[in-house]
Protein backbone atom coordinates (compact mmCIF):
# COMPACT_ATOMS: atom_id res chain seq x y z
CA MET A 1 -58.96 12.09 -9.48
CA GLU A 2 -60.33 12.67 -12.81
CA PRO A 3 -59.33 11.07 -16.13
CA ARG A 4 -56.47 12.96 -17.66
CA PRO A 5 -57.90 13.86 -21.36
CA LEU A 6 -56.57 12.45 -24.17
CA LYS A 7 -56.19 16.13 -26.04
CA THR A 8 -54.73 17.60 -23.25
CA ILE A 9 -51.93 14.92 -23.35
CA TYR A 10 -51.33 15.39 -26.75
CA ASP A 11 -51.08 19.01 -27.06
CA THR A 12 -48.77 19.08 -23.87
CA ALA A 13 -46.36 16.52 -24.96
CA GLN A 14 -46.22 18.79 -28.54
CA LYS A 15 -45.34 21.63 -26.07
CA VAL A 16 -43.06 19.94 -23.86
CA THR A 17 -41.11 18.39 -26.49
CA ASP A 18 -40.83 21.24 -28.49
CA ARG A 19 -39.68 23.22 -25.37
CA MET A 20 -36.68 20.32 -25.15
CA ARG A 21 -35.83 20.58 -28.99
CA SER A 22 -35.11 24.25 -28.20
CA LEU A 23 -33.12 23.67 -25.24
CA ALA A 24 -31.24 21.12 -26.61
CA LYS A 25 -30.39 23.18 -29.39
CA LEU A 26 -29.56 26.12 -27.00
CA ASN A 27 -26.98 24.04 -25.10
CA SER A 28 -25.55 21.81 -28.14
CA ILE A 29 -26.86 18.26 -26.41
CA GLU A 30 -29.21 15.66 -28.12
CA THR A 31 -32.65 16.02 -27.82
CA ARG A 32 -32.90 12.39 -26.25
CA PHE A 33 -31.02 13.36 -23.59
CA LEU A 34 -33.71 15.66 -22.24
CA HIS A 35 -36.56 13.32 -23.63
CA GLN A 36 -34.83 10.59 -21.03
CA ARG A 37 -33.85 13.21 -18.14
CA PHE A 38 -37.39 14.33 -18.12
CA ALA A 39 -39.16 11.50 -18.16
CA LEU A 40 -37.05 10.14 -15.36
CA GLU A 41 -38.16 13.58 -13.18
CA ARG A 42 -41.74 13.31 -14.16
CA PHE A 43 -41.68 9.21 -13.07
CA LEU A 44 -40.22 10.34 -9.85
CA GLN A 45 -42.83 13.13 -9.21
CA ARG A 46 -45.40 10.32 -9.72
CA LEU A 47 -43.59 8.34 -7.30
CA SER A 48 -43.21 11.23 -4.84
CA SER A 49 -47.01 11.29 -4.63
CA SER A 50 -47.36 7.55 -4.04
CA PRO A 51 -47.16 5.13 -1.10
CA TYR A 52 -43.89 3.99 -2.27
CA ARG A 53 -42.36 7.52 -1.18
CA GLU A 54 -41.13 6.12 1.94
CA LYS A 55 -39.97 2.76 0.82
CA ILE A 56 -37.57 4.02 -1.33
CA VAL A 57 -33.92 6.18 -1.13
CA LEU A 58 -32.69 7.62 -4.29
CA LYS A 59 -28.91 6.60 -5.35
CA GLY A 60 -26.72 6.90 -8.44
CA GLY A 61 -26.90 9.81 -10.99
CA VAL A 62 -30.12 11.14 -9.92
CA VAL A 63 -28.86 12.51 -7.27
CA MET A 64 -26.03 14.35 -8.92
CA LEU A 65 -28.56 16.21 -10.05
CA THR A 66 -29.39 18.30 -6.93
CA LEU A 67 -25.76 19.24 -6.83
CA ALA A 68 -25.44 22.84 -7.93
CA ASN A 69 -28.17 22.76 -10.09
CA ASP A 70 -26.12 20.60 -12.51
CA MET A 71 -28.83 20.33 -15.32
CA LEU A 72 -26.48 18.83 -17.64
CA ARG A 73 -25.32 15.87 -15.57
CA PRO A 74 -25.77 12.57 -18.16
CA THR A 75 -28.32 10.54 -16.42
CA GLU A 76 -30.00 7.65 -18.09
CA ASP A 77 -31.76 5.62 -15.21
CA ILE A 78 -32.96 5.74 -11.89
CA ASP A 79 -31.10 3.61 -8.73
CA ALA A 80 -32.46 3.25 -5.73
CA ASN A 81 -32.57 1.34 -2.52
CA ILE A 82 -36.23 -0.24 -1.53
CA ASP A 83 -37.55 -1.87 1.39
CA ASP A 84 -38.37 -5.56 0.85
CA LEU A 85 -36.92 -6.29 -2.43
CA SER A 86 -38.31 -9.04 -4.29
CA GLU A 87 -39.87 -8.90 -8.00
CA GLN A 88 -43.45 -8.54 -6.91
CA THR A 89 -42.32 -5.14 -5.03
CA VAL A 90 -40.62 -3.78 -7.61
CA ARG A 91 -43.71 -4.73 -10.40
CA ASP A 92 -46.02 -3.39 -8.23
CA LEU A 93 -44.03 -0.04 -7.16
CA VAL A 94 -43.50 0.69 -11.19
CA THR A 95 -47.27 -0.33 -12.26
CA THR A 96 -48.52 1.67 -9.25
CA VAL A 97 -46.37 4.66 -9.59
CA ALA A 98 -47.22 4.46 -13.61
CA SER A 99 -50.85 4.95 -13.27
CA VAL A 100 -50.43 7.97 -10.69
CA VAL A 101 -52.08 10.96 -12.27
CA PRO A 102 -49.43 13.56 -12.34
CA ASP A 103 -49.78 16.92 -10.38
CA GLU A 104 -48.93 18.69 -13.08
CA GLU A 105 -50.03 17.70 -16.71
CA ASP A 106 -46.72 17.01 -18.52
CA GLY A 107 -47.74 14.40 -21.81
CA LEU A 108 -46.00 11.80 -20.67
CA ILE A 109 -47.34 8.12 -20.49
CA PHE A 110 -45.65 5.43 -18.88
CA ARG A 111 -46.37 2.01 -20.58
CA THR A 112 -46.06 -1.31 -18.22
CA GLU A 113 -47.31 -3.59 -20.60
CA GLU A 114 -43.93 -4.76 -21.87
CA LEU A 115 -42.45 -4.35 -18.12
CA THR A 116 -39.59 -6.79 -17.45
CA ILE A 117 -37.86 -7.47 -14.05
CA LYS A 118 -34.12 -9.32 -14.27
CA PRO A 119 -31.41 -9.91 -12.12
CA ILE A 120 -28.72 -7.25 -12.47
CA MET A 121 -25.56 -9.46 -13.34
CA GLU A 122 -23.05 -6.50 -13.73
CA GLY A 123 -20.38 -5.86 -10.63
CA GLY A 124 -21.97 -8.44 -8.61
CA ASP A 125 -24.73 -6.22 -7.42
CA ASN A 126 -27.70 -8.35 -5.49
CA GLY A 127 -30.71 -6.36 -7.11
CA LEU A 128 -32.98 -6.27 -9.86
CA ARG A 129 -33.72 -4.10 -12.91
CA ALA A 130 -36.90 -2.84 -13.94
CA LEU A 131 -37.34 -1.74 -17.87
CA PHE A 132 -40.40 -0.20 -19.30
CA TRP A 133 -41.39 2.38 -21.95
CA ALA A 134 -42.51 6.42 -21.69
CA GLU A 135 -44.04 7.72 -24.29
CA TYR A 136 -44.50 11.45 -25.48
CA PRO A 137 -47.87 10.73 -27.67
CA ASN A 138 -49.48 12.13 -30.44
CA GLU A 139 -52.68 12.33 -32.13
CA ALA A 140 -50.46 10.70 -35.40
CA GLY A 141 -49.68 8.08 -33.56
CA ARG A 142 -46.37 8.11 -33.46
CA PRO A 143 -45.02 8.97 -30.08
CA VAL A 144 -41.59 9.79 -29.35
CA ARG A 145 -40.50 6.56 -27.25
CA VAL A 146 -38.01 6.77 -24.05
CA ARG A 147 -36.76 3.41 -22.48
CA MET A 148 -37.03 3.36 -19.05
CA LYS A 149 -34.54 1.88 -16.91
CA LEU A 150 -34.77 1.68 -13.03
CA ASP A 151 -32.38 -0.39 -10.69
CA PHE A 152 -32.85 -1.37 -7.38
CA ALA A 153 -31.19 -2.92 -4.59
CA PRO A 154 -31.90 -3.85 -1.05
CA SER A 155 -32.08 -1.00 1.78
CA ASN A 156 -29.89 -0.81 4.15
CA PRO A 157 -30.97 0.66 7.20
CA ARG A 158 -27.52 1.96 8.54
CA ASN A 159 -27.27 4.27 5.60
CA GLU A 160 -28.42 7.94 6.34
CA TYR A 161 -30.44 10.17 3.68
CA ARG A 162 -31.65 13.38 3.17
CA LEU A 163 -34.70 15.00 1.79
CA ASP A 164 -33.64 16.86 -1.36
CA SER A 165 -35.65 18.42 -4.29
CA LEU A 166 -34.99 17.44 -7.49
CA PRO A 167 -34.98 20.37 -9.84
CA SER A 168 -36.65 20.26 -13.16
CA THR A 169 -35.50 20.32 -16.26
CA LEU A 170 -38.21 22.45 -17.91
CA LYS A 171 -39.24 25.69 -15.99
CA GLY A 172 -42.76 25.69 -15.23
CA PHE A 173 -42.69 22.21 -13.10
CA SER A 174 -42.20 22.04 -9.80
CA SER A 175 -39.12 20.05 -8.55
CA VAL A 176 -39.35 16.72 -6.70
CA ALA A 177 -38.80 16.06 -2.93
CA ILE A 178 -37.82 12.50 -2.42
CA PRO A 179 -35.48 10.57 0.09
CA MET A 180 -31.68 10.48 -1.49
CA TYR A 181 -28.67 9.15 -0.48
CA SER A 182 -26.49 11.57 1.59
CA TRP A 183 -23.45 12.97 0.09
CA PRO A 184 -21.04 11.02 2.61
CA ARG A 185 -22.62 7.94 1.09
CA VAL A 186 -22.32 9.08 -2.30
CA PHE A 187 -18.60 10.35 -1.59
CA ALA A 188 -17.78 6.74 -0.17
CA GLU A 189 -19.47 4.68 -2.81
CA LYS A 190 -17.92 6.26 -5.78
CA VAL A 191 -14.30 5.86 -4.06
CA HIS A 192 -14.82 2.08 -3.17
CA THR A 193 -15.60 1.56 -7.06
CA ILE A 194 -12.75 3.27 -8.14
CA ALA A 195 -10.54 1.37 -5.16
CA LYS A 196 -12.44 -1.86 -6.53
CA HIS A 197 -12.09 -1.83 -10.22
CA GLY A 198 -8.47 -0.56 -9.98
CA MET A 199 -6.49 -0.50 -13.22
CA PHE A 200 -9.69 -1.92 -15.28
CA ASN A 201 -12.01 0.75 -14.16
CA THR A 202 -14.29 1.98 -16.93
CA ARG A 203 -16.61 3.83 -15.06
CA ALA A 204 -15.39 7.55 -16.39
CA LYS A 205 -18.56 9.03 -14.34
CA ASP A 206 -17.35 8.49 -10.93
CA PHE A 207 -14.45 10.88 -11.42
CA TYR A 208 -16.86 13.07 -12.95
CA ASP A 209 -18.72 13.31 -10.01
CA LEU A 210 -16.06 13.54 -7.20
CA VAL A 211 -14.68 16.70 -9.08
CA MET A 212 -18.21 18.11 -8.97
CA LEU A 213 -18.24 17.04 -5.08
CA ALA A 214 -15.22 18.54 -4.77
CA ARG A 215 -16.02 22.16 -6.31
CA ASN A 216 -19.53 22.39 -4.83
CA GLY A 217 -19.75 20.45 -1.31
CA ARG A 218 -18.66 21.21 2.23
CA PHE A 219 -17.38 18.24 4.10
CA ASP A 220 -16.87 17.37 7.60
CA GLY A 221 -13.63 15.34 7.23
CA GLU A 222 -14.63 12.87 9.99
CA VAL A 223 -17.79 12.25 8.79
CA LEU A 224 -16.49 11.09 5.33
CA ALA A 225 -13.94 8.94 6.89
CA ARG A 226 -16.83 6.95 8.65
CA ALA A 227 -18.79 6.74 5.92
CA LEU A 228 -15.73 5.21 4.00
CA VAL A 229 -15.20 2.74 6.44
CA GLU A 230 -19.06 1.50 6.38
CA VAL A 231 -19.16 1.03 2.54
CA PHE A 232 -16.01 -0.77 2.37
CA ASP A 233 -16.98 -2.82 5.61
CA GLU A 234 -20.56 -3.81 3.99
CA ARG A 235 -18.71 -4.79 0.87
CA ILE A 236 -16.02 -6.56 2.15
CA SER A 237 -13.37 -6.15 -0.55
CA PRO A 238 -11.28 -4.73 -1.05
CA ALA A 239 -10.09 -3.21 1.96
CA ILE A 240 -9.40 0.40 2.54
CA THR A 241 -5.64 0.14 1.61
CA GLU A 242 -3.32 2.98 -0.09
CA PRO A 243 -2.52 4.08 -2.57
CA ILE A 244 -5.66 3.55 -4.91
CA ASP A 245 -4.25 2.52 -8.54
CA GLY A 246 -7.65 3.98 -9.78
CA LEU A 247 -6.16 7.41 -8.97
CA SER A 248 -2.76 7.07 -10.28
CA ASP A 249 -1.23 8.96 -12.97
CA GLU A 250 -0.48 5.76 -14.99
CA PHE A 251 -4.15 4.66 -14.57
CA ALA A 252 -4.87 8.28 -16.21
CA ILE A 253 -2.70 7.48 -19.14
CA ILE A 254 -3.41 4.44 -19.68
CA GLN A 255 -7.67 4.75 -19.62
CA GLN A 256 -7.29 8.59 -21.37
CA GLN A 257 -9.88 6.92 -24.13
CA ILE A 258 -12.61 6.18 -21.60
CA TRP A 259 -12.88 10.00 -20.63
CA ASP A 260 -12.76 10.68 -24.00
CA ASN A 261 -15.85 8.49 -24.78
CA PHE A 262 -17.52 9.89 -21.76
CA THR A 263 -17.06 13.56 -22.71
CA ALA A 264 -17.66 12.86 -26.73
CA ASP A 265 -21.16 10.88 -25.55
CA ARG A 266 -22.25 13.97 -23.59
CA ASN A 267 -20.91 17.26 -24.97
CA GLY A 268 -23.53 19.56 -23.36
CA LEU A 269 -21.09 18.50 -19.37
CA SER A 270 -21.69 21.68 -17.25
CA VAL A 271 -18.12 21.42 -16.18
CA LYS A 272 -15.23 20.85 -18.89
CA ILE A 273 -12.40 19.03 -17.87
CA GLY A 274 -9.92 18.33 -20.88
CA SER A 275 -8.49 14.77 -19.70
CA LEU A 276 -8.79 12.20 -17.45
CA MET A 277 -5.33 13.15 -15.80
CA GLU A 278 -6.61 16.54 -15.08
CA ALA A 279 -9.93 14.94 -13.14
CA ILE A 280 -7.43 12.35 -11.27
CA GLN A 281 -5.39 15.57 -10.15
CA GLU A 282 -8.00 17.60 -8.83
CA ILE A 283 -9.67 14.49 -6.87
CA ARG A 284 -6.70 12.86 -5.36
CA PRO A 285 -6.55 15.88 -2.63
CA PHE A 286 -9.93 15.48 -1.94
CA VAL A 287 -10.26 11.86 -1.47
CA LEU A 288 -6.62 10.33 -0.37
CA PRO A 289 -6.46 12.20 3.13
CA VAL A 290 -9.82 10.59 3.81
CA VAL A 291 -8.77 7.12 2.79
CA SER A 292 -5.67 7.46 4.81
CA ALA A 293 -8.04 8.61 7.99
CA ALA A 294 -10.40 5.57 7.07
CA ALA A 295 -7.47 3.38 6.69
CA THR A 296 -5.18 4.03 9.63
CA GLY A 297 -8.36 4.97 12.08
CA GLU A 298 -6.50 8.26 12.63
CA ALA A 299 -8.71 11.41 13.75
CA PHE A 300 -9.19 13.44 10.70
CA ARG A 301 -10.61 16.93 12.51
CA LYS A 302 -10.71 19.08 8.95
CA GLU A 303 -13.23 20.41 6.91
CA TRP A 304 -13.54 20.60 3.09
CA THR A 305 -14.40 24.18 1.01
CA PRO A 306 -14.71 24.37 -2.55
CA GLY A 307 -11.45 26.40 -3.24
CA GLY A 308 -9.88 25.88 0.35
CA GLY A 309 -8.89 22.38 0.53
CA TRP A 310 -9.06 20.89 3.84
CA GLN A 311 -8.13 23.23 7.08
CA GLU A 312 -8.19 22.57 10.18
CA LEU A 313 -11.69 22.66 12.25
CA ALA A 314 -11.73 25.17 15.03
CA PRO A 315 -11.27 23.92 18.26
CA ALA A 316 -14.77 23.65 20.29
CA LEU A 317 -15.32 26.27 22.69
CA THR A 318 -15.81 25.59 26.10
CA PRO A 319 -17.70 27.38 29.13
């Protein structure tokens, strides 16, 4: 493929950043969030055109962007499982993907000259973090720079995944089709995180995401319960038990500040929830029946529908 003409890159970068400035003003959000979001999307577009597309499965915040086209959901990094996790594998992936010529000119250049890879220390995760820069360049030599953060964990062959399309922040750019976590897996990992951290949890985004799942997803209760058992078995601790401290009224009162900080930093959230208590009261009817079924091993033949809650499944017809 022909090299990208610098003039075309500069002109496109100017148009793209101008559009993001207008979009940020329209939605009352900071432009830097859109700079970050678009850079993540366009890195994934390059990844989807590379041999590494078959070696990774996306998880985390990027996956939530495909739910109800929640274009304003806060996302500042890419989380993925990768085959053969090692520093060299991650380095090869980042440098290879950064050099891919995009299918559509987007005005972005990914700089890997200062690429750093280090172990992920928080949460006891056995993973690696890649840090480098994305630039929206200009002829004046004063590019808009965005810090790129990619977190990788080892692949788990038991994990189900789906092929889904990540919509673009800016109209006119195609969506990106890439392997992602299944929704039951997303649900189970978020519930596990809340159970694990208990009264000391500071991850407000997991509560926000569970509200989004409850409002927008249709789920088979037994599938969610199985996913929950799998995740808790993999992570060893804690055991699946009730009640979950991180879904209690006491927790909501004590940790309201984390919700205030989360919503204050992200004033463009597409779903407005006034307090952590409101979020938890909406989550409990969705999550706790699944936790109970997973903990006891009892059958949970119900279906969740947005606005309808858990309903008994109609008995299967027999010939």
